[in-house]
Amino acid sequence: MAKRHGKISDKSTTDAIHQHLFDIEPELRMLEGVVGILQSLSTTADQVEPIALAPLAHLSAEALEKIFSTWRQAVTASSNEALAQ
């Protein structure tokens, strides 16, 4: 029997992948806010102290770590489904 590529047949796997993707949204919104702040800072004539940028870098790093972790969970769920077929 030929394997089907690109389709996920198990509804629970599809639901899990969708949930993982939805779980990424808060971090994406936070990163969107950080980008907005950085754009605002880039248009100011005043020089910004590096110490002021450290919290933004820390928040961004945490958000990216969560996004990558959740993304790996979604990929693992889809890979497990592909292996089961």
N, C-alpha and C. Protein backbone atom coordinates (compact mmCIF):
# COMPACT_ATOMS: atom_id res chain seq x y z
N MET A 1 0.84 -1.18 0.00
CA MET A 1 0.00 0.00 0.00
C MET A 1 0.89 1.25 0.00
N ALA A 2 0.59 2.18 -0.86
CA ALA A 2 1.40 3.40 -0.97
C ALA A 2 1.11 4.33 0.21
N LYS A 3 2.17 4.96 0.67
CA LYS A 3 2.01 5.92 1.76
C LYS A 3 1.49 7.23 1.20
N ARG A 4 0.64 7.88 1.96
CA ARG A 4 0.14 9.20 1.58
C ARG A 4 1.00 10.24 2.26
N HIS A 5 1.48 11.17 1.49
CA HIS A 5 2.30 12.25 2.03
C HIS A 5 1.47 13.52 2.09
N GLY A 6 1.67 14.29 3.17
CA GLY A 6 1.01 15.58 3.27
C GLY A 6 -0.38 15.54 3.90
N LYS A 7 -0.88 14.35 4.22
CA LYS A 7 -2.19 14.25 4.86
C LYS A 7 -2.03 13.62 6.23
N ILE A 8 -2.76 14.15 7.16
CA ILE A 8 -2.78 13.59 8.51
C ILE A 8 -4.17 13.06 8.73
N SER A 9 -4.30 11.76 8.97
CA SER A 9 -5.61 11.15 9.03
C SER A 9 -6.20 11.09 10.44
N ASP A 10 -5.36 11.02 11.44
CA ASP A 10 -5.83 10.87 12.81
C ASP A 10 -6.31 12.21 13.35
N LYS A 11 -7.61 12.28 13.69
CA LYS A 11 -8.20 13.55 14.16
C LYS A 11 -7.54 14.04 15.44
N SER A 12 -7.17 13.14 16.33
CA SER A 12 -6.53 13.58 17.58
C SER A 12 -5.16 14.19 17.30
N THR A 13 -4.45 13.65 16.33
CA THR A 13 -3.16 14.23 15.96
C THR A 13 -3.35 15.60 15.34
N THR A 14 -4.33 15.73 14.47
CA THR A 14 -4.63 17.03 13.86
C THR A 14 -5.02 18.04 14.92
N ASP A 15 -5.84 17.63 15.86
CA ASP A 15 -6.24 18.52 16.95
C ASP A 15 -5.04 18.93 17.79
N ALA A 16 -4.14 17.99 18.06
CA ALA A 16 -2.95 18.30 18.86
C ALA A 16 -2.06 19.31 18.12
N ILE A 17 -1.90 19.11 16.83
CA ILE A 17 -1.08 20.04 16.04
C ILE A 17 -1.71 21.42 16.04
N HIS A 18 -3.02 21.48 15.83
CA HIS A 18 -3.71 22.78 15.86
C HIS A 18 -3.54 23.45 17.22
N GLN A 19 -3.65 22.70 18.29
CA GLN A 19 -3.51 23.27 19.63
C GLN A 19 -2.10 23.81 19.84
N HIS A 20 -1.09 23.08 19.38
CA HIS A 20 0.29 23.55 19.50
C HIS A 20 0.47 24.87 18.75
N LEU A 21 -0.11 24.96 17.57
CA LEU A 21 0.01 26.19 16.79
C LEU A 21 -0.72 27.34 17.47
N PHE A 22 -1.89 27.07 18.03
CA PHE A 22 -2.62 28.12 18.76
C PHE A 22 -1.85 28.56 20.00
N ASP A 23 -1.12 27.63 20.63
CA ASP A 23 -0.34 27.95 21.83
C ASP A 23 0.81 28.91 21.53
N ILE A 24 1.21 29.00 20.29
CA ILE A 24 2.30 29.90 19.89
C ILE A 24 1.83 31.35 19.84
N GLU A 25 0.53 31.57 19.65
CA GLU A 25 0.01 32.92 19.42
C GLU A 25 0.40 33.94 20.49
N PRO A 26 0.30 33.67 21.80
CA PRO A 26 0.66 34.70 22.78
C PRO A 26 2.11 35.17 22.65
N GLU A 27 3.01 34.24 22.38
CA GLU A 27 4.40 34.62 22.22
C GLU A 27 4.60 35.45 20.95
N LEU A 28 3.88 35.10 19.89
CA LEU A 28 3.98 35.89 18.66
C LEU A 28 3.47 37.31 18.88
N ARG A 29 2.40 37.45 19.63
CA ARG A 29 1.87 38.79 19.93
C ARG A 29 2.87 39.59 20.78
N MET A 30 3.52 38.93 21.73
CA MET A 30 4.51 39.60 22.55
C MET A 30 5.69 40.06 21.69
N LEU A 31 6.14 39.20 20.79
CA LEU A 31 7.23 39.57 19.89
C LEU A 31 6.82 40.72 18.97
N GLU A 32 5.56 40.73 18.56
CA GLU A 32 5.05 41.84 17.75
C GLU A 32 5.15 43.15 18.54
N GLY A 33 4.84 43.09 19.82
CA GLY A 33 4.95 44.28 20.67
C GLY A 33 6.39 44.73 20.83
N VAL A 34 7.30 43.77 21.00
CA VAL A 34 8.72 44.11 21.13
C VAL A 34 9.22 44.78 19.85
N VAL A 35 8.80 44.26 18.72
CA VAL A 35 9.19 44.87 17.44
C VAL A 35 8.66 46.30 17.35
N GLY A 36 7.42 46.51 17.79
CA GLY A 36 6.85 47.86 17.80
C GLY A 36 7.65 48.81 18.68
N ILE A 37 8.04 48.33 19.85
CA ILE A 37 8.85 49.15 20.76
C ILE A 37 10.20 49.47 20.12
N LEU A 38 10.83 48.47 19.53
CA LEU A 38 12.12 48.69 18.88
C LEU A 38 12.01 49.66 17.71
N GLN A 39 10.92 49.57 16.96
CA GLN A 39 10.72 50.53 15.87
C GLN A 39 10.55 51.94 16.41
N SER A 40 9.81 52.07 17.50
CA SER A 40 9.65 53.39 18.11
C SER A 40 10.98 53.93 18.61
N LEU A 41 11.76 53.08 19.24
CA LEU A 41 13.07 53.50 19.74
C LEU A 41 14.01 53.89 18.60
N SER A 42 13.87 53.22 17.47
CA SER A 42 14.77 53.52 16.35
C SER A 42 14.48 54.89 15.72
N THR A 43 13.28 55.41 15.94
CA THR A 43 12.94 56.71 15.35
C THR A 43 13.23 57.88 16.28
N THR A 44 13.59 57.59 17.52
CA THR A 44 13.90 58.68 18.45
C THR A 44 15.29 59.21 18.17
N ALA A 45 15.45 60.48 18.41
CA ALA A 45 16.75 61.11 18.18
C ALA A 45 17.72 60.81 19.33
N ASP A 46 17.18 60.46 20.49
CA ASP A 46 18.01 60.18 21.65
C ASP A 46 18.65 58.80 21.52
N GLN A 47 19.84 58.70 22.08
CA GLN A 47 20.51 57.41 22.09
C GLN A 47 19.91 56.57 23.21
N VAL A 48 19.68 55.31 22.93
CA VAL A 48 19.10 54.40 23.92
C VAL A 48 20.23 53.63 24.59
N GLU A 49 20.19 53.63 25.90
CA GLU A 49 21.21 52.90 26.67
C GLU A 49 21.02 51.39 26.49
N PRO A 50 22.11 50.66 26.38
CA PRO A 50 22.01 49.20 26.22
C PRO A 50 21.26 48.54 27.37
N ILE A 51 21.37 49.08 28.57
CA ILE A 51 20.66 48.50 29.72
C ILE A 51 19.15 48.55 29.53
N ALA A 52 18.68 49.52 28.76
CA ALA A 52 17.25 49.63 28.48
C ALA A 52 16.79 48.56 27.50
N LEU A 53 17.68 48.08 26.68
CA LEU A 53 17.32 47.06 25.68
C LEU A 53 17.40 45.64 26.24
N ALA A 54 18.11 45.46 27.34
CA ALA A 54 18.29 44.12 27.92
C ALA A 54 16.96 43.44 28.26
N PRO A 55 15.99 44.13 28.89
CA PRO A 55 14.72 43.44 29.17
C PRO A 55 13.98 43.01 27.91
N LEU A 56 14.06 43.82 26.86
CA LEU A 56 13.42 43.44 25.60
C LEU A 56 14.08 42.20 25.01
N ALA A 57 15.40 42.14 25.08
CA ALA A 57 16.12 40.97 24.58
C ALA A 57 15.75 39.72 25.39
N HIS A 58 15.65 39.89 26.71
CA HIS A 58 15.30 38.76 27.58
C HIS A 58 13.90 38.25 27.27
N LEU A 59 12.93 39.16 27.15
CA LEU A 59 11.55 38.77 26.82
C LEU A 59 11.48 38.07 25.46
N SER A 60 12.21 38.60 24.51
CA SER A 60 12.21 38.02 23.17
C SER A 60 12.81 36.62 23.18
N ALA A 61 13.89 36.44 23.91
CA ALA A 61 14.54 35.13 23.99
C ALA A 61 13.62 34.10 24.62
N GLU A 62 12.92 34.48 25.68
CA GLU A 62 11.97 33.56 26.32
C GLU A 62 10.85 33.19 25.37
N ALA A 63 10.31 34.18 24.67
CA ALA A 63 9.21 33.92 23.73
C ALA A 63 9.67 33.00 22.61
N LEU A 64 10.85 33.25 22.07
CA LEU A 64 11.36 32.38 21.01
C LEU A 64 11.59 30.97 21.49
N GLU A 65 12.08 30.83 22.71
CA GLU A 65 12.29 29.50 23.27
C GLU A 65 10.96 28.73 23.37
N LYS A 66 9.91 29.41 23.82
CA LYS A 66 8.58 28.77 23.91
C LYS A 66 8.04 28.43 22.53
N ILE A 67 8.24 29.33 21.57
CA ILE A 67 7.76 29.08 20.22
C ILE A 67 8.46 27.86 19.62
N PHE A 68 9.79 27.81 19.75
CA PHE A 68 10.53 26.67 19.21
C PHE A 68 10.13 25.37 19.89
N SER A 69 9.93 25.40 21.19
CA SER A 69 9.51 24.20 21.92
C SER A 69 8.14 23.71 21.44
N THR A 70 7.21 24.63 21.33
CA THR A 70 5.86 24.27 20.87
C THR A 70 5.89 23.80 19.43
N TRP A 71 6.70 24.45 18.61
CA TRP A 71 6.83 24.04 17.22
C TRP A 71 7.37 22.61 17.13
N ARG A 72 8.39 22.30 17.95
CA ARG A 72 8.94 20.94 17.94
C ARG A 72 7.88 19.92 18.37
N GLN A 73 7.02 20.28 19.33
CA GLN A 73 5.96 19.38 19.75
C GLN A 73 4.99 19.11 18.60
N ALA A 74 4.66 20.15 17.85
CA ALA A 74 3.75 20.00 16.71
C ALA A 74 4.39 19.11 15.63
N VAL A 75 5.66 19.33 15.37
CA VAL A 75 6.37 18.52 14.37
C VAL A 75 6.45 17.08 14.83
N THR A 76 6.73 16.87 16.10
CA THR A 76 6.78 15.51 16.65
C THR A 76 5.44 14.82 16.52
N ALA A 77 4.36 15.53 16.82
CA ALA A 77 3.02 14.94 16.68
C ALA A 77 2.74 14.54 15.24
N SER A 78 3.13 15.38 14.30
CA SER A 78 2.90 15.04 12.90
C SER A 78 3.82 13.91 12.44
N SER A 79 5.04 13.89 12.96
CA SER A 79 5.98 12.81 12.60
C SER A 79 5.50 11.47 13.14
N ASN A 80 4.98 11.46 14.35
CA ASN A 80 4.47 10.23 14.93
C ASN A 80 3.31 9.70 14.10
N GLU A 81 2.47 10.60 13.61
CA GLU A 81 1.35 10.19 12.76
C GLU A 81 1.87 9.62 11.45
N ALA A 82 2.88 10.25 10.88
CA ALA A 82 3.45 9.77 9.62
C ALA A 82 4.08 8.40 9.79
N LEU A 83 4.74 8.17 10.92
CA LEU A 83 5.35 6.87 11.18
C LEU A 83 4.30 5.79 11.38
N ALA A 84 3.15 6.17 11.93
CA ALA A 84 2.09 5.21 12.20
C ALA A 84 1.38 4.76 10.92
N GLN A 85 1.50 5.56 9.86
CA GLN A 85 0.79 5.21 8.61
C GLN A 85 1.53 4.18 7.83
